Amino acid sequence: MATFVLVHGGIMGGWAWKGVVPPLRAAGHEIYAPTLTGCGERVHLASPEVGLETHIQDIVNVLMYEDLRDVILVGHSYAGMVITGVAGRVPDCLAKLVYLDAMFPRSGQSAIDVWRESGGQHDFLVWLEENVRTQGDGWKVPTMPPQEYGVTDEADVRWAAAKATPHPYKTFVDPVYYDEAAFQSIPRIGIRCIGDQPPPLDEVGPGGAPMLFIATGHAANIAAPRELAELLLTLV
């Protein structure tokens, strides 16, 4: 039996893994899908002070208070920042890191830094800063239509739109710091959502790690949960 901890991306919550959890549990594994502070059903805890460190501590606390070891820690999208910070804090608790279409920061980088460095993100960053200022009271990232993150089924679109919550902007501007040498000792794998495009022949994952591909949009946990669960089961 393996232990999975699934960490959601921005404007989502633990609810985003609802379709992924049952097949993993049916295969006999222990699953946790916590919601980060200020998101999902914990949106009432949102404030301008909620930052990346808050979210890292959220997941560290799950590991500590549930006495979890040998964890396969999965981070989607923004949560690549979170799981990287967790790995720097409690590496002995982790068996593997899985970056699901997720950010992979160097020590000292923020999510904004990663977006800017990746190229082709200028329009998004302009939209982000403008909408935080005009619609998010200067500290919240507004929600966006689910189609923008790869959800196309009408029922899934309605469901995700009803569940999405604004995301604390400070988590995107705070840098993560970790011991890169110690981090390298944790096995890593990347999963990239490629839609209907053919898999690249030469792409590697975070820090040169192996890369897997899934034929769906960015939010694979919503758009293709069973296919994603099947892929995660190959990592056990």
Protein backbone atom coordinates (compact mmCIF):
# COMPACT_ATOMS: atom_id res chain seq x y z
CA MET A 1 0.00 0.00 0.00
CA ALA A 2 1.21 3.49 -0.89
CA THR A 3 0.27 6.82 0.66
CA PHE A 4 -0.63 9.66 -1.72
CA VAL A 5 -1.00 13.29 -0.66
CA LEU A 6 -2.60 15.30 -3.46
CA VAL A 7 -2.11 19.07 -3.42
CA HIS A 8 -4.38 21.22 -5.57
CA GLY A 9 -3.47 24.23 -7.69
CA GLY A 10 -4.60 27.85 -7.58
CA ILE A 11 -8.29 28.83 -7.24
CA MET A 12 -9.09 25.18 -6.48
CA GLY A 13 -9.37 23.10 -3.31
CA GLY A 14 -9.20 19.48 -2.22
CA TRP A 15 -12.50 19.08 -4.10
CA ALA A 16 -10.58 19.12 -7.40
CA TRP A 17 -9.34 15.57 -6.71
CA LYS A 18 -12.84 14.14 -6.15
CA GLY A 19 -12.70 11.93 -9.25
CA VAL A 20 -9.08 10.84 -8.67
CA VAL A 21 -9.43 9.63 -5.08
CA PRO A 22 -11.89 6.69 -5.50
CA PRO A 23 -9.84 4.67 -8.02
CA LEU A 24 -6.68 5.16 -5.96
CA ARG A 25 -8.46 3.99 -2.81
CA ALA A 26 -10.04 1.09 -4.69
CA ALA A 27 -6.51 -0.03 -5.55
CA GLY A 28 -5.76 -0.22 -1.81
CA HIS A 29 -3.86 3.00 -1.26
CA GLU A 30 -4.17 5.65 1.46
CA ILE A 31 -5.18 9.04 0.06
CA TYR A 32 -5.18 12.56 1.47
CA ALA A 33 -6.41 15.56 -0.53
CA PRO A 34 -6.15 18.55 1.84
CA THR A 35 -7.37 22.04 1.03
CA LEU A 36 -4.86 24.85 1.41
CA THR A 37 -5.63 27.79 3.70
CA GLY A 38 -7.92 30.37 2.10
CA CYS A 39 -9.04 28.05 -0.69
CA GLY A 40 -12.09 25.85 -1.29
CA GLU A 41 -14.05 25.13 1.87
CA ARG A 42 -11.38 27.05 3.80
CA VAL A 43 -12.00 30.26 1.83
CA HIS A 44 -13.25 31.91 5.03
CA LEU A 45 -9.63 31.86 6.25
CA ALA A 46 -8.36 33.87 3.29
CA SER A 47 -6.53 37.10 4.09
CA PRO A 48 -3.73 39.25 2.64
CA GLU A 49 -1.33 37.50 5.06
CA VAL A 50 -1.82 34.01 3.60
CA GLY A 51 1.37 33.27 1.72
CA LEU A 52 3.40 30.42 0.30
CA GLU A 53 4.80 29.59 3.72
CA THR A 54 1.23 29.14 5.00
CA HIS A 55 0.53 26.58 2.29
CA ILE A 56 3.80 24.75 2.82
CA GLN A 57 3.00 24.51 6.53
CA ASP A 58 -0.51 23.23 5.69
CA ILE A 59 0.99 20.18 4.01
CA VAL A 60 3.82 19.70 6.51
CA ASN A 61 1.15 19.60 9.21
CA VAL A 62 -0.83 16.92 7.36
CA LEU A 63 2.30 14.76 7.20
CA MET A 64 3.19 15.36 10.82
CA TYR A 65 -0.23 15.04 12.46
CA GLU A 66 -1.24 12.02 10.37
CA ASP A 67 2.15 10.36 10.99
CA LEU A 68 2.74 9.88 7.30
CA ARG A 69 5.94 8.42 5.89
CA ASP A 70 7.04 7.24 2.43
CA VAL A 71 4.54 9.66 0.89
CA ILE A 72 4.03 10.12 -2.84
CA LEU A 73 3.46 13.87 -2.82
CA VAL A 74 1.62 15.16 -5.89
CA GLY A 75 1.40 18.87 -6.70
CA HIS A 76 -0.75 20.31 -9.48
CA SER A 77 0.11 23.61 -11.18
CA TYR A 78 0.91 26.25 -8.50
CA ALA A 79 1.29 23.44 -5.95
CA GLY A 80 4.66 22.62 -7.49
CA MET A 81 5.82 25.55 -5.36
CA VAL A 82 4.21 24.00 -2.30
CA ILE A 83 5.55 20.47 -2.66
CA THR A 84 9.04 21.80 -3.36
CA GLY A 85 8.90 23.74 -0.10
CA VAL A 86 7.59 20.69 1.75
CA ALA A 87 10.42 18.58 0.33
CA GLY A 88 12.91 21.10 1.64
CA ARG A 89 11.33 20.96 5.08
CA VAL A 90 10.61 17.25 5.67
CA PRO A 91 12.46 15.22 3.03
CA ASP A 92 12.53 12.10 5.22
CA CYS A 93 8.73 11.83 4.98
CA LEU A 94 8.71 11.59 1.20
CA ALA A 95 9.12 8.66 -1.17
CA LYS A 96 8.53 10.58 -4.37
CA LEU A 97 7.56 14.01 -5.72
CA VAL A 98 5.14 14.22 -8.64
CA TYR A 99 4.83 17.51 -10.54
CA LEU A 100 1.49 17.46 -12.38
CA ASP A 101 1.72 20.22 -15.01
CA ALA A 102 3.33 22.03 -12.12
CA MET A 103 5.89 24.70 -11.39
CA PHE A 104 9.40 23.62 -10.53
CA PRO A 105 11.20 26.55 -8.85
CA ARG A 106 14.83 26.96 -8.07
CA SER A 107 15.58 27.99 -4.52
CA GLY A 108 14.80 31.70 -4.16
CA GLN A 109 12.20 31.81 -6.93
CA SER A 110 8.53 32.75 -6.64
CA ALA A 111 5.67 31.53 -8.81
CA ILE A 112 5.78 34.87 -10.64
CA ASP A 113 9.50 34.31 -11.29
CA VAL A 114 8.82 30.84 -12.71
CA TRP A 115 6.06 32.14 -14.97
CA ARG A 116 8.22 34.99 -16.19
CA GLU A 117 11.21 32.73 -16.83
CA SER A 118 9.13 30.18 -18.74
CA GLY A 119 8.44 32.69 -21.53
CA GLY A 120 5.16 33.34 -23.31
CA GLN A 121 3.50 34.39 -20.03
CA HIS A 122 3.53 38.17 -20.45
CA ASP A 123 -0.17 38.50 -21.28
CA PHE A 124 -1.12 36.25 -18.38
CA LEU A 125 0.98 38.21 -15.90
CA VAL A 126 -0.54 41.49 -17.13
CA TRP A 127 -4.02 39.96 -16.70
CA LEU A 128 -3.08 38.63 -13.27
CA GLU A 129 -1.77 41.90 -11.86
CA GLU A 130 -4.62 43.95 -13.33
CA ASN A 131 -7.34 41.65 -12.04
CA VAL A 132 -5.80 41.36 -8.58
CA ARG A 133 -5.86 45.15 -8.44
CA THR A 134 -9.33 45.74 -9.90
CA GLN A 135 -11.29 42.64 -8.84
CA GLY A 136 -9.31 41.14 -5.99
CA ASP A 137 -9.01 44.06 -3.57
CA GLY A 138 -5.27 44.07 -4.22
CA TRP A 139 -4.64 40.66 -2.60
CA LYS A 140 -6.82 38.00 -4.26
CA VAL A 141 -6.48 36.29 -7.64
CA PRO A 142 -9.99 36.15 -9.14
CA THR A 143 -11.39 32.90 -10.46
CA MET A 144 -11.48 32.27 -14.19
CA PRO A 145 -13.69 30.19 -16.51
CA PRO A 146 -12.77 26.49 -16.20
CA GLN A 147 -12.28 26.36 -19.94
CA GLU A 148 -9.18 28.50 -19.38
CA TYR A 149 -7.53 25.62 -17.53
CA GLY A 150 -8.58 22.84 -19.87
CA VAL A 151 -12.02 21.76 -18.61
CA THR A 152 -14.41 21.30 -21.53
CA ASP A 153 -17.17 18.89 -20.47
CA GLU A 154 -20.26 20.99 -19.71
CA ALA A 155 -21.06 19.24 -16.43
CA ASP A 156 -17.43 19.56 -15.28
CA VAL A 157 -17.39 23.24 -16.27
CA ARG A 158 -20.48 23.97 -14.18
CA TRP A 159 -19.12 21.98 -11.23
CA ALA A 160 -15.65 23.58 -11.27
CA ALA A 161 -17.06 27.08 -11.73
CA ALA A 162 -19.32 26.62 -8.71
CA LYS A 163 -16.46 25.36 -6.53
CA ALA A 164 -13.63 27.72 -7.55
CA THR A 165 -12.55 30.39 -5.07
CA PRO A 166 -10.22 33.40 -5.31
CA HIS A 167 -6.64 32.58 -4.45
CA PRO A 168 -4.36 34.55 -2.08
CA TYR A 169 -2.00 36.49 -4.34
CA LYS A 170 0.83 36.58 -1.79
CA THR A 171 1.39 32.86 -2.41
CA PHE A 172 2.40 33.72 -5.98
CA VAL A 173 4.92 36.40 -5.05
CA ASP A 174 6.60 34.72 -2.09
CA PRO A 175 9.85 32.85 -2.92
CA VAL A 176 10.56 29.31 -1.80
CA TYR A 177 13.93 28.42 -0.27
CA TYR A 178 15.37 24.94 0.10
CA ASP A 179 18.64 23.01 0.17
CA GLU A 180 19.01 22.01 -3.48
CA ALA A 181 21.58 19.30 -2.75
CA ALA A 182 19.29 17.58 -0.25
CA PHE A 183 16.34 18.03 -2.59
CA GLN A 184 18.13 16.09 -5.32
CA SER A 185 18.01 12.96 -3.15
CA ILE A 186 14.20 12.71 -3.46
CA PRO A 187 12.96 10.82 -6.56
CA ARG A 188 10.91 13.09 -8.82
CA ILE A 189 8.71 12.67 -11.84
CA GLY A 190 6.88 15.13 -14.06
CA ILE A 191 3.49 14.67 -15.68
CA ARG A 192 2.62 17.12 -18.43
CA CYS A 193 -0.87 17.67 -19.80
CA ILE A 194 -0.53 17.84 -23.58
CA GLY A 195 -4.14 18.03 -24.77
CA ASP A 196 -4.44 16.50 -28.22
CA GLN A 197 -0.79 17.11 -29.15
CA PRO A 198 1.72 14.26 -29.62
CA PRO A 199 4.14 13.72 -26.71
CA PRO A 200 7.49 15.50 -27.13
CA LEU A 201 10.34 13.12 -27.83
CA ASP A 202 13.05 14.83 -25.79
CA GLU A 203 11.35 16.53 -22.84
CA VAL A 204 12.56 15.83 -19.34
CA GLY A 205 10.86 16.55 -16.04
CA PRO A 206 11.80 18.69 -13.04
CA GLY A 207 15.55 18.85 -12.60
CA GLY A 208 16.10 16.25 -15.33
CA ALA A 209 13.60 13.78 -13.87
CA PRO A 210 11.59 11.38 -16.06
CA MET A 211 8.51 12.84 -17.75
CA LEU A 212 5.13 11.25 -18.40
CA PHE A 213 2.31 12.67 -20.49
CA ILE A 214 -1.48 12.70 -20.31
CA ALA A 215 -3.75 13.66 -23.20
CA THR A 216 -5.89 16.25 -21.47
CA GLY A 217 -6.00 19.93 -20.59
CA HIS A 218 -4.15 21.54 -17.69
CA ALA A 219 -6.64 20.47 -14.98
CA ALA A 220 -6.28 16.73 -15.54
CA ASN A 221 -7.63 16.05 -12.05
CA ILE A 222 -10.98 17.49 -13.17
CA ALA A 223 -11.02 16.79 -16.91
CA ALA A 224 -9.62 13.23 -16.87
CA PRO A 225 -9.58 11.95 -13.27
CA ARG A 226 -9.65 8.21 -14.00
CA GLU A 227 -6.93 8.46 -16.61
CA LEU A 228 -4.84 10.47 -14.17
CA ALA A 229 -5.44 7.94 -11.39
CA GLU A 230 -4.31 5.13 -13.71
CA LEU A 231 -1.13 7.06 -14.46
CA LEU A 232 -0.46 7.71 -10.76
CA LEU A 233 -0.89 4.01 -10.02
CA THR A 234 2.04 3.25 -12.33
CA LEU A 235 4.28 5.23 -9.94
CA VAL A 236 3.70 2.96 -6.94
